[in-house]
Amino acid sequence: MDRVVLMLSVVCLGVSSQPITDSQRLFSIAVSRVQHLHLLAQRLFSEFESSLQTEEQRQLNKIFLQDFCNSDYIISPIDKHETQRSSVLKLLSISYRLVESWEFPSRSLSAGSAPRNQISPKLSELKTGILLLIRANQDAAEVFPDSSALQLAPYGNYYQSLGADESLRRTYELLACLKKDMHKVETYLTVAKCRLSPEANCTL
């Protein structure tokens, strides 16, 4: 999937005879931001995994495979074919919900290294950009739901005081889920952006 996203990004950045619209410009900014977040999440997760003992990695990976991310409650395309059939507005709306679901959990990742402190503000910037795209692409008759209705419950008791083992598991889950969700958003935004270019082939 990472290779597909990269290929679509290259295609969409190709020279077009059509003038660049405001919507295309907003999409380019949003895609760039989510790509940065996805790479940041990948790096943070890899660094965290590297800091663990082999047995800790095995146990956490086993637990995570049996668990699920908070954002899994958000209905999204199950495969590339459904993604391809989804409308631009649907892809934008799902992306918004995914980013919105991280408003609270991301705060628990902010303590510590400078890269971690970038997560919350960059998510906020991305959320604002996606909302602008939604407003630009929705029909006049459509009203996008109030953001308060899209907020999911925080990741369990992430804000409570946890023991050392539970805190380790929680950090592992948050970083793994952040990486997974930013990959989804990157895919959806890249496909939606590609459709604005009449000369591009957006088939996954």
C-alpha atoms as a PDB file:
ATOM      1  CA  MET A   1       0.000   0.000   0.000  1.00  0.00           C
ATOM      2  CA  ASP A   2       2.898   2.388   0.770  1.00  0.00           C
ATOM      3  CA  ARG A   3       4.178   1.853  -2.785  1.00  0.00           C
ATOM      4  CA  VAL A   4       0.721   2.537  -4.212  1.00  0.00           C
ATOM      5  CA  VAL A   5       0.441   5.818  -2.292  1.00  0.00           C
ATOM      6  CA  LEU A   6       3.876   6.894  -3.497  1.00  0.00           C
ATOM      7  CA  MET A   7       3.027   6.078  -7.125  1.00  0.00           C
ATOM      8  CA  LEU A   8      -0.242   8.003  -6.939  1.00  0.00           C
ATOM      9  CA  SER A   9       1.552  10.979  -5.407  1.00  0.00           C
ATOM     10  CA  VAL A  10       4.048  11.038  -8.272  1.00  0.00           C
ATOM     11  CA  VAL A  11       1.293  10.763 -10.874  1.00  0.00           C
ATOM     12  CA  CYS A  12      -0.692  13.573  -9.276  1.00  0.00           C
ATOM     13  CA  LEU A  13       2.346  15.817  -9.230  1.00  0.00           C
ATOM     14  CA  GLY A  14       2.888  15.359 -12.955  1.00  0.00           C
ATOM     15  CA  VAL A  15       2.721  18.294 -15.325  1.00  0.00           C
ATOM     16  CA  SER A  16      -0.880  19.013 -16.332  1.00  0.00           C
ATOM     17  CA  SER A  17      -2.271  21.228 -19.010  1.00  0.00           C
ATOM     18  CA  GLN A  18      -5.039  22.227 -16.598  1.00  0.00           C
ATOM     19  CA  PRO A  19      -4.539  25.235 -14.298  1.00  0.00           C
ATOM     20  CA  ILE A  20      -4.026  24.466 -10.620  1.00  0.00           C
ATOM     21  CA  THR A  21      -7.191  25.252  -8.660  1.00  0.00           C
ATOM     22  CA  ASP A  22      -7.477  26.357  -5.034  1.00  0.00           C
ATOM     23  CA  SER A  23      -8.827  22.915  -4.180  1.00  0.00           C
ATOM     24  CA  GLN A  24      -5.815  21.211  -5.773  1.00  0.00           C
ATOM     25  CA  ARG A  25      -3.502  23.513  -3.880  1.00  0.00           C
ATOM     26  CA  LEU A  26      -5.258  22.695  -0.586  1.00  0.00           C
ATOM     27  CA  PHE A  27      -5.039  18.989  -1.395  1.00  0.00           C
ATOM     28  CA  SER A  28      -1.297  19.278  -2.068  1.00  0.00           C
ATOM     29  CA  ILE A  29      -0.774  20.909   1.324  1.00  0.00           C
ATOM     30  CA  ALA A  30      -2.940  18.319   3.115  1.00  0.00           C
ATOM     31  CA  VAL A  31      -1.200  15.384   1.435  1.00  0.00           C
ATOM     32  CA  SER A  32       2.198  16.837   2.280  1.00  0.00           C
ATOM     33  CA  ARG A  33       1.180  17.255   5.923  1.00  0.00           C
ATOM     34  CA  VAL A  34      -0.183  13.744   6.331  1.00  0.00           C
ATOM     35  CA  GLN A  35       2.875  12.274   4.612  1.00  0.00           C
ATOM     36  CA  HIS A  36       5.045  14.042   7.177  1.00  0.00           C
ATOM     37  CA  LEU A  37       2.846  12.750  10.020  1.00  0.00           C
ATOM     38  CA  HIS A  38       2.925   9.216   8.654  1.00  0.00           C
ATOM     39  CA  LEU A  39       6.718   9.262   8.393  1.00  0.00           C
ATOM     40  CA  LEU A  40       6.961  10.770  11.886  1.00  0.00           C
ATOM     41  CA  ALA A  41       4.687   8.045  13.297  1.00  0.00           C
ATOM     42  CA  GLN A  42       6.746   5.351  11.557  1.00  0.00           C
ATOM     43  CA  ARG A  43       9.975   6.763  12.962  1.00  0.00           C
ATOM     44  CA  LEU A  44       8.622   7.092  16.515  1.00  0.00           C
ATOM     45  CA  PHE A  45       7.215   3.570  16.457  1.00  0.00           C
ATOM     46  CA  SER A  46      10.492   2.113  15.122  1.00  0.00           C
ATOM     47  CA  GLU A  47      12.514   3.976  17.742  1.00  0.00           C
ATOM     48  CA  PHE A  48      10.191   2.781  20.507  1.00  0.00           C
ATOM     49  CA  GLU A  49      10.399  -0.825  19.289  1.00  0.00           C
ATOM     50  CA  SER A  50      14.187  -0.604  19.160  1.00  0.00           C
ATOM     51  CA  SER A  51      14.257   0.466  22.804  1.00  0.00           C
ATOM     52  CA  LEU A  52      12.453  -2.720  23.903  1.00  0.00           C
ATOM     53  CA  GLN A  53      13.858  -6.086  24.810  1.00  0.00           C
ATOM     54  CA  THR A  54      13.183  -8.922  22.345  1.00  0.00           C
ATOM     55  CA  GLU A  55      10.693 -10.598  24.678  1.00  0.00           C
ATOM     56  CA  GLU A  56       8.906  -7.302  25.311  1.00  0.00           C
ATOM     57  CA  GLN A  57       8.540  -6.776  21.557  1.00  0.00           C
ATOM     58  CA  ARG A  58       7.143 -10.274  21.096  1.00  0.00           C
ATOM     59  CA  GLN A  59       4.603  -9.913  23.904  1.00  0.00           C
ATOM     60  CA  LEU A  60       3.475  -6.439  22.864  1.00  0.00           C
ATOM     61  CA  ASN A  61       3.128  -7.458  19.230  1.00  0.00           C
ATOM     62  CA  LYS A  62       1.067 -10.479  20.286  1.00  0.00           C
ATOM     63  CA  ILE A  63      -1.211  -8.335  22.460  1.00  0.00           C
ATOM     64  CA  PHE A  64      -1.629  -5.671  19.811  1.00  0.00           C
ATOM     65  CA  LEU A  65      -2.624  -8.186  17.140  1.00  0.00           C
ATOM     66  CA  GLN A  66      -5.430  -9.335  19.439  1.00  0.00           C
ATOM     67  CA  ASP A  67      -6.453  -5.807  20.269  1.00  0.00           C
ATOM     68  CA  PHE A  68      -7.783  -3.020  18.068  1.00  0.00           C
ATOM     69  CA  CYS A  69      -7.356   0.688  17.549  1.00  0.00           C
ATOM     70  CA  ASN A  70      -9.893   3.152  18.897  1.00  0.00           C
ATOM     71  CA  SER A  71     -10.429   4.477  15.377  1.00  0.00           C
ATOM     72  CA  ASP A  72     -11.563   1.048  14.146  1.00  0.00           C
ATOM     73  CA  TYR A  73     -15.041   2.189  15.172  1.00  0.00           C
ATOM     74  CA  ILE A  74     -14.910   4.589  12.216  1.00  0.00           C
ATOM     75  CA  ILE A  75     -16.380   2.926   9.143  1.00  0.00           C
ATOM     76  CA  SER A  76     -13.877   3.092   6.295  1.00  0.00           C
ATOM     77  CA  PRO A  77     -13.176   1.245   3.014  1.00  0.00           C
ATOM     78  CA  ILE A  78     -12.159  -2.351   3.612  1.00  0.00           C
ATOM     79  CA  ASP A  79      -9.952  -2.652   0.536  1.00  0.00           C
ATOM     80  CA  LYS A  80      -8.538  -0.787  -2.463  1.00  0.00           C
ATOM     81  CA  HIS A  81     -11.620  -1.469  -4.571  1.00  0.00           C
ATOM     82  CA  GLU A  82     -13.955   0.139  -2.061  1.00  0.00           C
ATOM     83  CA  THR A  83     -11.527   3.034  -1.680  1.00  0.00           C
ATOM     84  CA  GLN A  84     -11.568   3.529  -5.438  1.00  0.00           C
ATOM     85  CA  ARG A  85     -15.379   3.536  -5.522  1.00  0.00           C
ATOM     86  CA  SER A  86     -15.718   6.018  -2.655  1.00  0.00           C
ATOM     87  CA  SER A  87     -16.522   9.633  -3.477  1.00  0.00           C
ATOM     88  CA  VAL A  88     -14.046  12.425  -2.810  1.00  0.00           C
ATOM     89  CA  LEU A  89     -16.299  13.801  -0.082  1.00  0.00           C
ATOM     90  CA  LYS A  90     -16.565  10.386   1.586  1.00  0.00           C
ATOM     91  CA  LEU A  91     -12.787   9.963   1.601  1.00  0.00           C
ATOM     92  CA  LEU A  92     -12.395  13.449   3.053  1.00  0.00           C
ATOM     93  CA  SER A  93     -15.021  12.820   5.723  1.00  0.00           C
ATOM     94  CA  ILE A  94     -13.414   9.543   6.806  1.00  0.00           C
ATOM     95  CA  SER A  95      -9.992  11.221   6.874  1.00  0.00           C
ATOM     96  CA  TYR A  96     -11.404  14.002   9.051  1.00  0.00           C
ATOM     97  CA  ARG A  97     -12.872  11.494  11.492  1.00  0.00           C
ATOM     98  CA  LEU A  98      -9.610   9.578  11.704  1.00  0.00           C
ATOM     99  CA  VAL A  99      -7.617  12.722  12.450  1.00  0.00           C
ATOM    100  CA  GLU A 100     -10.303  13.946  14.865  1.00  0.00           C
ATOM    101  CA  SER A 101     -10.122  10.683  16.810  1.00  0.00           C
ATOM    102  CA  TRP A 102      -6.526  11.551  17.758  1.00  0.00           C
ATOM    103  CA  GLU A 103      -7.271  14.928  19.346  1.00  0.00           C
ATOM    104  CA  PHE A 104      -7.160  13.526  22.889  1.00  0.00           C
ATOM    105  CA  PRO A 105      -4.860  10.464  22.613  1.00  0.00           C
ATOM    106  CA  SER A 106      -2.125  12.487  20.904  1.00  0.00           C
ATOM    107  CA  ARG A 107      -1.715  14.573  24.051  1.00  0.00           C
ATOM    108  CA  SER A 108      -0.410  11.560  25.956  1.00  0.00           C
ATOM    109  CA  LEU A 109       2.347  11.199  23.355  1.00  0.00           C
ATOM    110  CA  SER A 110       3.451  14.814  23.633  1.00  0.00           C
ATOM    111  CA  ALA A 111       5.533  14.367  26.754  1.00  0.00           C
ATOM    112  CA  GLY A 112       9.124  13.533  25.989  1.00  0.00           C
ATOM    113  CA  SER A 113      11.112  14.039  22.816  1.00  0.00           C
ATOM    114  CA  ALA A 114      10.788  17.006  20.473  1.00  0.00           C
ATOM    115  CA  PRO A 115       9.416  14.842  17.611  1.00  0.00           C
ATOM    116  CA  ARG A 116       6.584  13.652  19.850  1.00  0.00           C
ATOM    117  CA  ASN A 117       5.727  17.249  20.695  1.00  0.00           C
ATOM    118  CA  GLN A 118       5.074  17.858  16.985  1.00  0.00           C
ATOM    119  CA  ILE A 119       2.212  15.345  16.792  1.00  0.00           C
ATOM    120  CA  SER A 120      -0.669  17.331  18.338  1.00  0.00           C
ATOM    121  CA  PRO A 121      -0.061  20.641  16.519  1.00  0.00           C
ATOM    122  CA  LYS A 122       0.491  18.890  13.178  1.00  0.00           C
ATOM    123  CA  LEU A 123      -2.712  16.879  13.633  1.00  0.00           C
ATOM    124  CA  SER A 124      -4.545  20.127  14.350  1.00  0.00           C
ATOM    125  CA  GLU A 125      -3.167  21.712  11.159  1.00  0.00           C
ATOM    126  CA  LEU A 126      -4.142  18.658   9.122  1.00  0.00           C
ATOM    127  CA  LYS A 127      -7.634  18.615  10.608  1.00  0.00           C
ATOM    128  CA  THR A 128      -8.170  22.265   9.681  1.00  0.00           C
ATOM    129  CA  GLY A 129      -6.952  21.652   6.140  1.00  0.00           C
ATOM    130  CA  ILE A 130      -9.246  18.652   5.630  1.00  0.00           C
ATOM    131  CA  LEU A 131     -12.225  20.623   6.934  1.00  0.00           C
ATOM    132  CA  LEU A 132     -11.506  23.356   4.376  1.00  0.00           C
ATOM    133  CA  LEU A 133     -11.409  20.709   1.639  1.00  0.00           C
ATOM    134  CA  ILE A 134     -14.697  19.234   2.816  1.00  0.00           C
ATOM    135  CA  ARG A 135     -16.372  22.640   2.693  1.00  0.00           C
ATOM    136  CA  ALA A 136     -14.930  23.292  -0.755  1.00  0.00           C
ATOM    137  CA  ASN A 137     -16.115  19.952  -2.152  1.00  0.00           C
ATOM    138  CA  GLN A 138     -19.504  19.483  -0.525  1.00  0.00           C
ATOM    139  CA  ASP A 139     -22.762  20.456  -2.195  1.00  0.00           C
ATOM    140  CA  ALA A 140     -24.590  23.490  -0.926  1.00  0.00           C
ATOM    141  CA  ALA A 141     -27.349  21.262   0.439  1.00  0.00           C
ATOM    142  CA  GLU A 142     -24.942  19.164   2.465  1.00  0.00           C
ATOM    143  CA  VAL A 143     -24.051  20.162   5.963  1.00  0.00           C
ATOM    144  CA  PHE A 144     -20.978  18.604   7.505  1.00  0.00           C
ATOM    145  CA  PRO A 145     -21.641  17.364  11.060  1.00  0.00           C
ATOM    146  CA  ASP A 146     -20.418  19.422  13.971  1.00  0.00           C
ATOM    147  CA  SER A 147     -16.944  18.254  14.995  1.00  0.00           C
ATOM    148  CA  SER A 148     -18.132  17.556  18.550  1.00  0.00           C
ATOM    149  CA  ALA A 149     -20.308  14.753  17.174  1.00  0.00           C
ATOM    150  CA  LEU A 150     -17.276  13.101  15.580  1.00  0.00           C
ATOM    151  CA  GLN A 151     -15.117  12.860  18.682  1.00  0.00           C
ATOM    152  CA  LEU A 152     -14.545   9.340  19.957  1.00  0.00           C
ATOM    153  CA  ALA A 153     -13.947   8.390  23.540  1.00  0.00           C
ATOM    154  CA  PRO A 154     -10.257   8.594  24.523  1.00  0.00           C
ATOM    155  CA  TYR A 155      -8.147   5.452  24.378  1.00  0.00           C
ATOM    156  CA  GLY A 156      -9.375   3.750  27.540  1.00  0.00           C
ATOM    157  CA  ASN A 157      -7.711   5.222  30.610  1.00  0.00           C
ATOM    158  CA  TYR A 158      -4.701   6.652  28.807  1.00  0.00           C
ATOM    159  CA  TYR A 159      -4.903   9.799  30.921  1.00  0.00           C
ATOM    160  CA  GLN A 160      -4.780   7.915  34.224  1.00  0.00           C
ATOM    161  CA  SER A 161      -1.716   6.934  36.179  1.00  0.00           C
ATOM    162  CA  LEU A 162      -0.538   3.569  34.865  1.00  0.00           C
ATOM    163  CA  GLY A 163       1.930   0.991  36.060  1.00  0.00           C
ATOM    164  CA  ALA A 164       5.207   0.528  34.198  1.00  0.00           C
ATOM    165  CA  ASP A 165       4.040  -2.495  32.163  1.00  0.00           C
ATOM    166  CA  GLU A 166       0.648  -0.986  31.333  1.00  0.00           C
ATOM    167  CA  SER A 167       2.246   2.305  30.348  1.00  0.00           C
ATOM    168  CA  LEU A 168       4.622   0.442  28.020  1.00  0.00           C
ATOM    169  CA  ARG A 169       1.720  -1.350  26.367  1.00  0.00           C
ATOM    170  CA  ARG A 170      -0.300   1.843  26.048  1.00  0.00           C
ATOM    171  CA  THR A 171       2.558   3.712  24.361  1.00  0.00           C
ATOM    172  CA  TYR A 172       3.114   0.788  21.985  1.00  0.00           C
ATOM    173  CA  GLU A 173      -0.584   0.698  21.056  1.00  0.00           C
ATOM    174  CA  LEU A 174      -0.838   4.451  20.550  1.00  0.00           C
ATOM    175  CA  LEU A 175       2.206   4.643  18.298  1.00  0.00           C
ATOM    176  CA  ALA A 176       1.169   1.558  16.304  1.00  0.00           C
ATOM    177  CA  CYS A 177      -2.371   2.893  15.854  1.00  0.00           C
ATOM    178  CA  LEU A 178      -1.153   6.380  14.941  1.00  0.00           C
ATOM    179  CA  LYS A 179       1.063   4.874  12.231  1.00  0.00           C
ATOM    180  CA  LYS A 180      -1.842   2.761  10.951  1.00  0.00           C
ATOM    181  CA  ASP A 181      -4.328   5.668  10.890  1.00  0.00           C
ATOM    182  CA  MET A 182      -1.959   8.145   9.226  1.00  0.00           C
ATOM    183  CA  HIS A 183      -1.306   5.560   6.512  1.00  0.00           C
ATOM    184  CA  LYS A 184      -5.077   5.342   5.935  1.00  0.00           C
ATOM    185  CA  VAL A 185      -5.461   9.121   5.783  1.00  0.00           C
ATOM    186  CA  GLU A 186      -2.495   9.431   3.427  1.00  0.00           C
ATOM    187  CA  THR A 187      -4.061   6.847   1.104  1.00  0.00           C
ATOM    188  CA  TYR A 188      -7.521   8.476   1.119  1.00  0.00           C
ATOM    189  CA  LEU A 189      -6.236  12.011   0.592  1.00  0.00           C
ATOM    190  CA  THR A 190      -3.856  10.923  -2.170  1.00  0.00           C
ATOM    191  CA  VAL A 191      -6.658   9.137  -4.047  1.00  0.00           C
ATOM    192  CA  ALA A 192      -9.041  12.086  -3.587  1.00  0.00           C
ATOM    193  CA  LYS A 193      -6.384  14.562  -4.756  1.00  0.00           C
ATOM    194  CA  CYS A 194      -5.510  12.439  -7.772  1.00  0.00           C
ATOM    195  CA  ARG A 195      -9.102  12.565  -9.001  1.00  0.00           C
ATOM    196  CA  LEU A 196      -8.858  16.319  -9.418  1.00  0.00           C
ATOM    197  CA  SER A 197      -6.253  15.829 -12.124  1.00  0.00           C
ATOM    198  CA  PRO A 198      -8.104  14.831 -15.347  1.00  0.00           C
ATOM    199  CA  GLU A 199      -4.927  13.380 -16.856  1.00  0.00           C
ATOM    200  CA  ALA A 200      -4.043  11.175 -13.918  1.00  0.00           C
ATOM    201  CA  ASN A 201      -4.732   7.458 -13.562  1.00  0.00           C
ATOM    202  CA  CYS A 202      -5.923   7.000  -9.975  1.00  0.00           C
ATOM    203  CA  THR A 203      -6.504   3.240 -10.125  1.00  0.00           C
ATOM    204  CA  LEU A 204      -5.083   1.517  -7.038  1.00  0.00           C
END
